[in-house]
Amino acid sequence: MAKQKRVFSIGLIGENPNDSNALVALLKQRYEGRFAFTYLGKHRTGDQLSNPKMLRVLQTEFAAKQPALVIYIRDLDALASSTTKWQQRQAEFAKIKQIVGEEALFLLHVYQFEALILADIDAFNRQYRVSYSVKGDPTMVEKPKQKLMSATDKPKAARQYHENDSAEIAAKLDYAKLVKNCGYFRDFDAAFAAKLPKQ
């Protein structure tokens, strides 16, 4: 009898369930069937992720589920040039790694998750029936979430964008465009691919 192959389990820690679900939708486009996801600290959001009580909960959940890899998902809420914010987020990730070990990746969205939508704005425009344009590096756009909400707050738009839509729109984004147009996601994708077991 053939030995059953162990599923490569990935633990997700996100500052918002929308961000975690959006990443699942994205990674399934390229890597479907190569992993299973589990959520850690699911009912904690934003800055709650770094408080001591949350870290104790996370430690318990990690010990119980023992994923092979952990991905920490966070918005920088600033441009990459903000050294203070950058250091703050890296310090948070360091605390997470003290619990989960070295098998961890950090997906730090610059400015917010919506930078990925800007990296394939055509998909967004089709979905919401608008014609919003983006010039240059999507990570240089401040407050992209608000800009997308404003762009779809129009009578002819299919509906107004809301962060609850993130998983839905993520499934329709062109993964190759994200890798091409968004530097931080390109780096993350390369690191993630390197962690997956060889097929």
C-alpha atoms as a PDB file:
ATOM      1  CA  MET A   1       0.000   0.000   0.000  1.00  0.00           C
ATOM      2  CA  ALA A   2       1.398   3.383  -1.032  1.00  0.00           C
ATOM      3  CA  LYS A   3       2.265   5.763   1.760  1.00  0.00           C
ATOM      4  CA  GLN A   4      -0.077   8.750   1.837  1.00  0.00           C
ATOM      5  CA  LYS A   5       1.689  11.989   0.953  1.00  0.00           C
ATOM      6  CA  ARG A   6       1.673  14.562   3.762  1.00  0.00           C
ATOM      7  CA  VAL A   7      -0.025  17.812   2.804  1.00  0.00           C
ATOM      8  CA  PHE A   8       2.217  20.888   2.985  1.00  0.00           C
ATOM      9  CA  SER A   9       0.365  23.003   5.521  1.00  0.00           C
ATOM     10  CA  ILE A  10       0.641  26.796   5.535  1.00  0.00           C
ATOM     11  CA  GLY A  11      -0.441  28.876   8.518  1.00  0.00           C
ATOM     12  CA  LEU A  12      -1.720  32.358   7.711  1.00  0.00           C
ATOM     13  CA  ILE A  13      -1.560  35.266  10.130  1.00  0.00           C
ATOM     14  CA  GLY A  14      -3.294  38.296   8.674  1.00  0.00           C
ATOM     15  CA  GLU A  15      -4.162  41.697  10.032  1.00  0.00           C
ATOM     16  CA  ASN A  16      -7.576  41.250   8.456  1.00  0.00           C
ATOM     17  CA  PRO A  17      -9.453  38.145   7.223  1.00  0.00           C
ATOM     18  CA  ASN A  18      -9.883  39.906   3.875  1.00  0.00           C
ATOM     19  CA  ASP A  19      -6.123  40.036   3.372  1.00  0.00           C
ATOM     20  CA  SER A  20      -5.695  36.353   4.271  1.00  0.00           C
ATOM     21  CA  ASN A  21      -8.531  35.264   1.987  1.00  0.00           C
ATOM     22  CA  ALA A  22      -7.173  37.411  -0.854  1.00  0.00           C
ATOM     23  CA  LEU A  23      -3.752  35.773  -0.564  1.00  0.00           C
ATOM     24  CA  VAL A  24      -5.342  32.317  -0.671  1.00  0.00           C
ATOM     25  CA  ALA A  25      -7.216  33.311  -3.842  1.00  0.00           C
ATOM     26  CA  LEU A  26      -4.001  34.599  -5.415  1.00  0.00           C
ATOM     27  CA  LEU A  27      -1.753  31.664  -4.548  1.00  0.00           C
ATOM     28  CA  LYS A  28      -4.319  29.132  -5.725  1.00  0.00           C
ATOM     29  CA  GLN A  29      -4.047  30.636  -9.199  1.00  0.00           C
ATOM     30  CA  ARG A  30      -0.423  29.565  -9.554  1.00  0.00           C
ATOM     31  CA  TYR A  31       0.075  26.840  -6.955  1.00  0.00           C
ATOM     32  CA  GLU A  32      -3.297  25.066  -6.665  1.00  0.00           C
ATOM     33  CA  GLY A  33      -3.051  21.598  -5.164  1.00  0.00           C
ATOM     34  CA  ARG A  34       0.399  22.039  -3.644  1.00  0.00           C
ATOM     35  CA  PHE A  35      -0.606  23.093  -0.107  1.00  0.00           C
ATOM     36  CA  ALA A  36      -3.413  23.486   2.399  1.00  0.00           C
ATOM     37  CA  PHE A  37      -4.089  26.631   4.422  1.00  0.00           C
ATOM     38  CA  THR A  38      -4.905  27.027   8.067  1.00  0.00           C
ATOM     39  CA  TYR A  39      -5.590  30.296   9.872  1.00  0.00           C
ATOM     40  CA  LEU A  40      -3.737  31.359  13.007  1.00  0.00           C
ATOM     41  CA  GLY A  41      -4.959  34.172  15.254  1.00  0.00           C
ATOM     42  CA  LYS A  42      -8.050  34.387  13.074  1.00  0.00           C
ATOM     43  CA  HIS A  43     -10.087  36.653  15.327  1.00  0.00           C
ATOM     44  CA  ARG A  44      -7.350  39.235  15.870  1.00  0.00           C
ATOM     45  CA  THR A  45      -6.902  42.200  13.545  1.00  0.00           C
ATOM     46  CA  GLY A  46      -4.464  45.045  12.947  1.00  0.00           C
ATOM     47  CA  ASP A  47      -2.348  46.081  15.880  1.00  0.00           C
ATOM     48  CA  GLN A  48      -3.883  43.345  18.039  1.00  0.00           C
ATOM     49  CA  LEU A  49      -1.453  41.008  16.293  1.00  0.00           C
ATOM     50  CA  SER A  50       1.460  42.370  18.273  1.00  0.00           C
ATOM     51  CA  ASN A  51       0.035  42.446  21.786  1.00  0.00           C
ATOM     52  CA  PRO A  52       1.291  39.879  24.338  1.00  0.00           C
ATOM     53  CA  LYS A  53      -2.090  38.163  24.771  1.00  0.00           C
ATOM     54  CA  MET A  54      -2.379  37.609  21.030  1.00  0.00           C
ATOM     55  CA  LEU A  55       1.146  36.213  20.884  1.00  0.00           C
ATOM     56  CA  ARG A  56       0.252  33.669  23.599  1.00  0.00           C
ATOM     57  CA  VAL A  57      -2.851  32.637  21.638  1.00  0.00           C
ATOM     58  CA  LEU A  58      -0.738  32.344  18.527  1.00  0.00           C
ATOM     59  CA  GLN A  59       1.779  30.161  20.328  1.00  0.00           C
ATOM     60  CA  THR A  60      -0.991  27.777  21.416  1.00  0.00           C
ATOM     61  CA  GLU A  61      -2.528  27.612  17.938  1.00  0.00           C
ATOM     62  CA  PHE A  62       0.830  27.098  16.259  1.00  0.00           C
ATOM     63  CA  ALA A  63       1.688  24.239  18.629  1.00  0.00           C
ATOM     64  CA  ALA A  64      -1.675  22.595  17.932  1.00  0.00           C
ATOM     65  CA  LYS A  65      -1.645  22.944  14.133  1.00  0.00           C
ATOM     66  CA  GLN A  66       2.096  22.797  13.428  1.00  0.00           C
ATOM     67  CA  PRO A  67       2.062  24.179   9.868  1.00  0.00           C
ATOM     68  CA  ALA A  68       5.187  23.627   7.782  1.00  0.00           C
ATOM     69  CA  LEU A  69       5.313  27.319   6.849  1.00  0.00           C
ATOM     70  CA  VAL A  70       3.794  30.493   8.307  1.00  0.00           C
ATOM     71  CA  ILE A  71       2.981  33.614   6.288  1.00  0.00           C
ATOM     72  CA  TYR A  72       2.523  36.886   8.149  1.00  0.00           C
ATOM     73  CA  ILE A  73       0.439  39.400   6.154  1.00  0.00           C
ATOM     74  CA  ARG A  74       0.488  43.065   7.070  1.00  0.00           C
ATOM     75  CA  ASP A  75      -0.098  46.486   5.494  1.00  0.00           C
ATOM     76  CA  LEU A  76       2.742  48.966   5.874  1.00  0.00           C
ATOM     77  CA  ASP A  77       0.171  51.810   5.829  1.00  0.00           C
ATOM     78  CA  ALA A  78       2.914  54.035   4.486  1.00  0.00           C
ATOM     79  CA  LEU A  79       5.264  54.323   1.540  1.00  0.00           C
ATOM     80  CA  ALA A  80       8.402  52.179   1.556  1.00  0.00           C
ATOM     81  CA  SER A  81      10.427  55.305   2.369  1.00  0.00           C
ATOM     82  CA  SER A  82       8.874  55.437   5.853  1.00  0.00           C
ATOM     83  CA  THR A  83      11.746  54.026   7.913  1.00  0.00           C
ATOM     84  CA  THR A  84       9.807  54.237  11.176  1.00  0.00           C
ATOM     85  CA  LYS A  85       6.863  52.198   9.891  1.00  0.00           C
ATOM     86  CA  TRP A  86       9.162  49.739   8.173  1.00  0.00           C
ATOM     87  CA  GLN A  87      11.128  49.099  11.359  1.00  0.00           C
ATOM     88  CA  GLN A  88       7.916  48.761  13.361  1.00  0.00           C
ATOM     89  CA  ARG A  89       6.565  46.070  11.024  1.00  0.00           C
ATOM     90  CA  GLN A  90       9.886  44.213  10.942  1.00  0.00           C
ATOM     91  CA  ALA A  91       9.919  44.192  14.753  1.00  0.00           C
ATOM     92  CA  GLU A  92       6.419  42.663  14.713  1.00  0.00           C
ATOM     93  CA  PHE A  93       7.583  39.947  12.333  1.00  0.00           C
ATOM     94  CA  ALA A  94      10.586  39.225  14.557  1.00  0.00           C
ATOM     95  CA  LYS A  95       8.185  38.530  17.452  1.00  0.00           C
ATOM     96  CA  ILE A  96       6.146  36.210  15.246  1.00  0.00           C
ATOM     97  CA  LYS A  97       9.297  34.307  14.266  1.00  0.00           C
ATOM     98  CA  GLN A  98      10.203  33.835  17.924  1.00  0.00           C
ATOM     99  CA  ILE A  99       7.042  31.718  18.120  1.00  0.00           C
ATOM    100  CA  VAL A 100       6.915  29.976  14.758  1.00  0.00           C
ATOM    101  CA  GLY A 101      10.616  29.664  13.959  1.00  0.00           C
ATOM    102  CA  GLU A 102      12.512  30.384  10.770  1.00  0.00           C
ATOM    103  CA  GLU A 103      10.002  28.745   8.416  1.00  0.00           C
ATOM    104  CA  ALA A 104       8.111  31.996   8.014  1.00  0.00           C
ATOM    105  CA  LEU A 105       7.566  34.543   5.254  1.00  0.00           C
ATOM    106  CA  PHE A 106       6.506  38.164   5.569  1.00  0.00           C
ATOM    107  CA  LEU A 107       4.106  39.602   2.990  1.00  0.00           C
ATOM    108  CA  LEU A 108       4.246  43.324   3.709  1.00  0.00           C
ATOM    109  CA  HIS A 109       1.871  45.226   1.444  1.00  0.00           C
ATOM    110  CA  VAL A 110       3.187  48.651   0.459  1.00  0.00           C
ATOM    111  CA  TYR A 111       1.027  50.822   1.034  1.00  0.00           C
ATOM    112  CA  GLN A 112      -1.926  48.428   1.412  1.00  0.00           C
ATOM    113  CA  PHE A 113      -3.174  45.207  -0.192  1.00  0.00           C
ATOM    114  CA  GLU A 114      -4.828  47.386  -2.817  1.00  0.00           C
ATOM    115  CA  ALA A 115      -1.391  48.045  -4.343  1.00  0.00           C
ATOM    116  CA  LEU A 116      -1.770  44.592  -5.895  1.00  0.00           C
ATOM    117  CA  ILE A 117      -5.047  45.642  -7.483  1.00  0.00           C
ATOM    118  CA  LEU A 118      -3.306  48.700  -8.917  1.00  0.00           C
ATOM    119  CA  ALA A 119      -0.699  46.345 -10.397  1.00  0.00           C
ATOM    120  CA  ASP A 120      -3.439  44.883 -12.617  1.00  0.00           C
ATOM    121  CA  ILE A 121      -5.858  47.782 -12.854  1.00  0.00           C
ATOM    122  CA  ASP A 122      -7.453  46.375 -16.025  1.00  0.00           C
ATOM    123  CA  ALA A 123      -9.007  43.523 -14.040  1.00  0.00           C
ATOM    124  CA  PHE A 124     -10.361  46.015 -11.532  1.00  0.00           C
ATOM    125  CA  ASN A 125     -11.807  48.238 -14.257  1.00  0.00           C
ATOM    126  CA  ARG A 126     -13.573  45.281 -15.875  1.00  0.00           C
ATOM    127  CA  GLN A 127     -15.000  44.126 -12.571  1.00  0.00           C
ATOM    128  CA  TYR A 128     -16.363  47.528 -11.535  1.00  0.00           C
ATOM    129  CA  ARG A 129     -17.002  48.974 -15.011  1.00  0.00           C
ATOM    130  CA  VAL A 130     -14.816  52.031 -14.480  1.00  0.00           C
ATOM    131  CA  SER A 131     -11.715  53.402 -16.212  1.00  0.00           C
ATOM    132  CA  TYR A 132      -9.283  54.197 -13.421  1.00  0.00           C
ATOM    133  CA  SER A 133      -5.677  54.557 -14.552  1.00  0.00           C
ATOM    134  CA  VAL A 134      -2.401  53.987 -12.727  1.00  0.00           C
ATOM    135  CA  LYS A 135       0.934  55.396 -13.851  1.00  0.00           C
ATOM    136  CA  GLY A 136       4.206  53.987 -12.646  1.00  0.00           C
ATOM    137  CA  ASP A 137       4.942  51.923  -9.558  1.00  0.00           C
ATOM    138  CA  PRO A 138       1.722  50.888  -7.739  1.00  0.00           C
ATOM    139  CA  THR A 139       3.558  50.897  -4.411  1.00  0.00           C
ATOM    140  CA  MET A 140       4.112  54.648  -4.740  1.00  0.00           C
ATOM    141  CA  VAL A 141       0.374  55.357  -4.543  1.00  0.00           C
ATOM    142  CA  GLU A 142      -0.678  56.614  -1.116  1.00  0.00           C
ATOM    143  CA  LYS A 143      -3.896  55.262   0.413  1.00  0.00           C
ATOM    144  CA  PRO A 144      -4.788  53.046  -2.576  1.00  0.00           C
ATOM    145  CA  LYS A 145      -7.857  51.622  -0.836  1.00  0.00           C
ATOM    146  CA  GLN A 146      -9.449  55.052  -0.589  1.00  0.00           C
ATOM    147  CA  LYS A 147      -8.543  55.819  -4.194  1.00  0.00           C
ATOM    148  CA  LEU A 148     -10.247  52.668  -5.454  1.00  0.00           C
ATOM    149  CA  MET A 149     -13.309  53.374  -3.346  1.00  0.00           C
ATOM    150  CA  SER A 150     -13.457  56.894  -4.764  1.00  0.00           C
ATOM    151  CA  ALA A 151     -12.965  55.645  -8.339  1.00  0.00           C
ATOM    152  CA  THR A 152     -15.984  53.372  -8.022  1.00  0.00           C
ATOM    153  CA  ASP A 153     -18.210  55.864  -6.230  1.00  0.00           C
ATOM    154  CA  LYS A 154     -19.762  56.751  -9.576  1.00  0.00           C
ATOM    155  CA  PRO A 155     -23.272  56.289 -10.995  1.00  0.00           C
ATOM    156  CA  LYS A 156     -22.011  54.133 -13.884  1.00  0.00           C
ATOM    157  CA  ALA A 157     -19.840  51.865 -11.738  1.00  0.00           C
ATOM    158  CA  ALA A 158     -21.079  48.311 -11.128  1.00  0.00           C
ATOM    159  CA  ARG A 159     -20.760  49.011  -7.382  1.00  0.00           C
ATOM    160  CA  GLN A 160     -18.387  50.752  -5.021  1.00  0.00           C
ATOM    161  CA  TYR A 161     -15.205  48.898  -4.102  1.00  0.00           C
ATOM    162  CA  HIS A 162     -15.027  47.706  -0.505  1.00  0.00           C
ATOM    163  CA  GLU A 163     -12.197  45.884   1.247  1.00  0.00           C
ATOM    164  CA  ASN A 164     -14.598  42.939   1.698  1.00  0.00           C
ATOM    165  CA  ASP A 165     -14.285  42.481  -2.084  1.00  0.00           C
ATOM    166  CA  SER A 166     -10.565  41.751  -1.889  1.00  0.00           C
ATOM    167  CA  ALA A 167     -10.716  37.948  -2.202  1.00  0.00           C
ATOM    168  CA  GLU A 168     -13.205  38.179  -5.060  1.00  0.00           C
ATOM    169  CA  ILE A 169     -11.075  40.613  -7.049  1.00  0.00           C
ATOM    170  CA  ALA A 170      -7.827  38.807  -6.136  1.00  0.00           C
ATOM    171  CA  ALA A 171      -9.090  35.673  -7.879  1.00  0.00           C
ATOM    172  CA  LYS A 172      -9.449  37.711 -11.100  1.00  0.00           C
ATOM    173  CA  LEU A 173      -6.088  39.484 -11.040  1.00  0.00           C
ATOM    174  CA  ASP A 174      -3.457  38.367 -13.532  1.00  0.00           C
ATOM    175  CA  TYR A 175      -0.774  36.761 -11.365  1.00  0.00           C
ATOM    176  CA  ALA A 176       1.944  37.308 -13.975  1.00  0.00           C
ATOM    177  CA  LYS A 177       1.129  41.027 -14.066  1.00  0.00           C
ATOM    178  CA  LEU A 178       1.389  41.281 -10.289  1.00  0.00           C
ATOM    179  CA  VAL A 179       4.818  39.662 -10.348  1.00  0.00           C
ATOM    180  CA  LYS A 180       5.912  41.942 -13.176  1.00  0.00           C
ATOM    181  CA  ASN A 181       4.483  45.229 -11.852  1.00  0.00           C
ATOM    182  CA  CYS A 182       4.821  44.919  -8.078  1.00  0.00           C
ATOM    183  CA  GLY A 183       8.333  44.511  -6.693  1.00  0.00           C
ATOM    184  CA  TYR A 184       7.465  43.390  -3.171  1.00  0.00           C
ATOM    185  CA  PHE A 185       5.056  40.749  -4.476  1.00  0.00           C
ATOM    186  CA  ARG A 186       7.650  39.514  -6.973  1.00  0.00           C
ATOM    187  CA  ASP A 187      10.092  39.002  -4.087  1.00  0.00           C
ATOM    188  CA  PHE A 188       7.439  37.283  -1.997  1.00  0.00           C
ATOM    189  CA  ASP A 189       6.446  34.943  -4.845  1.00  0.00           C
ATOM    190  CA  ALA A 190      10.057  33.872  -5.378  1.00  0.00           C
ATOM    191  CA  ALA A 191      10.521  33.210  -1.665  1.00  0.00           C
ATOM    192  CA  PHE A 192       7.230  31.310  -1.464  1.00  0.00           C
ATOM    193  CA  ALA A 193       7.999  29.135  -4.491  1.00  0.00           C
ATOM    194  CA  ALA A 194      11.366  28.246  -2.944  1.00  0.00           C
ATOM    195  CA  LYS A 195       9.635  27.016   0.238  1.00  0.00           C
ATOM    196  CA  LEU A 196       7.202  24.677  -1.511  1.00  0.00           C
ATOM    197  CA  PRO A 197       8.127  20.998  -1.746  1.00  0.00           C
ATOM    198  CA  LYS A 198       9.397  20.003  -5.174  1.00  0.00           C
ATOM    199  CA  GLN A 199       6.766  18.412  -7.378  1.00  0.00           C
END
